[in-house]
Amino acid sequence: MPPHTPTRTRTRVKRILRWAARRRRTATMHVLRGICYGLGTTTVTLASLWVQRHT
């Protein structure tokens, strides 16, 4: 069987969803942390681009 069969992918998704259901607060904090890191990176990138164009 190839390593990435649809059944295996569904199993992984189910396992992740079960983990998230059991640890809803932890999963929420991971998502929130990721969003914050993404927003911070975007803000710094846009600010540095603005400084480069306006100096």
C-alpha atoms as a PDB file:
ATOM      1  CA  MET A   1       0.000   0.000   0.000  1.00  0.00           C
ATOM      2  CA  PRO A   2       1.375   3.473  -0.837  1.00  0.00           C
ATOM      3  CA  PRO A   3       2.226   5.609   2.199  1.00  0.00           C
ATOM      4  CA  HIS A   4      -0.428   8.275   1.540  1.00  0.00           C
ATOM      5  CA  THR A   5      -3.643   6.470   0.837  1.00  0.00           C
ATOM      6  CA  PRO A   6      -7.013   8.206   1.363  1.00  0.00           C
ATOM      7  CA  THR A   7      -7.844   5.842   4.227  1.00  0.00           C
ATOM      8  CA  ARG A   8      -4.646   6.727   6.038  1.00  0.00           C
ATOM      9  CA  THR A   9      -5.276  10.433   5.512  1.00  0.00           C
ATOM     10  CA  ARG A  10      -8.812  10.112   6.893  1.00  0.00           C
ATOM     11  CA  THR A  11      -7.439   8.251   9.885  1.00  0.00           C
ATOM     12  CA  ARG A  12      -4.953  11.042  10.558  1.00  0.00           C
ATOM     13  CA  VAL A  13      -7.643  13.687  10.259  1.00  0.00           C
ATOM     14  CA  LYS A  14      -9.899  11.771  12.638  1.00  0.00           C
ATOM     15  CA  ARG A  15      -7.036  11.393  15.101  1.00  0.00           C
ATOM     16  CA  ILE A  16      -6.311  15.140  14.984  1.00  0.00           C
ATOM     17  CA  LEU A  17      -9.995  15.986  15.443  1.00  0.00           C
ATOM     18  CA  ARG A  18     -10.255  13.627  18.420  1.00  0.00           C
ATOM     19  CA  TRP A  19      -7.142  15.211  19.932  1.00  0.00           C
ATOM     20  CA  ALA A  20      -8.624  18.683  19.428  1.00  0.00           C
ATOM     21  CA  ALA A  21     -11.914  17.622  21.005  1.00  0.00           C
ATOM     22  CA  ARG A  22     -10.135  16.221  24.069  1.00  0.00           C
ATOM     23  CA  ARG A  23      -7.830  19.206  24.370  1.00  0.00           C
ATOM     24  CA  ARG A  24      -9.996  22.003  23.083  1.00  0.00           C
ATOM     25  CA  ARG A  25      -8.318  24.663  25.201  1.00  0.00           C
ATOM     26  CA  THR A  26      -4.829  23.561  24.165  1.00  0.00           C
ATOM     27  CA  ALA A  27      -5.818  23.430  20.509  1.00  0.00           C
ATOM     28  CA  THR A  28      -7.386  26.883  20.755  1.00  0.00           C
ATOM     29  CA  MET A  29      -4.224  28.292  22.305  1.00  0.00           C
ATOM     30  CA  HIS A  30      -2.095  26.775  19.516  1.00  0.00           C
ATOM     31  CA  VAL A  31      -4.335  28.349  16.889  1.00  0.00           C
ATOM     32  CA  LEU A  32      -4.317  31.697  18.689  1.00  0.00           C
ATOM     33  CA  ARG A  33      -0.531  31.607  19.008  1.00  0.00           C
ATOM     34  CA  GLY A  34      -0.192  30.860  15.300  1.00  0.00           C
ATOM     35  CA  ILE A  35      -2.493  33.730  14.387  1.00  0.00           C
ATOM     36  CA  CYS A  36      -0.551  36.115  16.624  1.00  0.00           C
ATOM     37  CA  TYR A  37       2.797  35.050  15.154  1.00  0.00           C
ATOM     38  CA  GLY A  38       1.397  35.470  11.651  1.00  0.00           C
ATOM     39  CA  LEU A  39       0.010  38.926  12.392  1.00  0.00           C
ATOM     40  CA  GLY A  40       3.253  40.009  14.036  1.00  0.00           C
ATOM     41  CA  THR A  41       5.345  38.789  11.119  1.00  0.00           C
ATOM     42  CA  THR A  42       3.034  40.508   8.632  1.00  0.00           C
ATOM     43  CA  THR A  43       3.137  43.768  10.579  1.00  0.00           C
ATOM     44  CA  VAL A  44       6.924  43.820  10.800  1.00  0.00           C
ATOM     45  CA  THR A  45       7.279  42.920   7.118  1.00  0.00           C
ATOM     46  CA  LEU A  46       4.874  45.643   5.996  1.00  0.00           C
ATOM     47  CA  ALA A  47       6.546  48.195   8.282  1.00  0.00           C
ATOM     48  CA  SER A  48      10.001  47.358   6.942  1.00  0.00           C
ATOM     49  CA  LEU A  49       8.752  47.575   3.350  1.00  0.00           C
ATOM     50  CA  TRP A  50       7.164  50.940   4.078  1.00  0.00           C
ATOM     51  CA  VAL A  51      10.413  52.230   5.632  1.00  0.00           C
ATOM     52  CA  GLN A  52      12.436  51.008   2.649  1.00  0.00           C
ATOM     53  CA  ARG A  53      10.157  52.777   0.162  1.00  0.00           C
ATOM     54  CA  HIS A  54       9.880  56.039   2.121  1.00  0.00           C
ATOM     55  CA  THR A  55      13.522  56.646   3.020  1.00  0.00           C
END
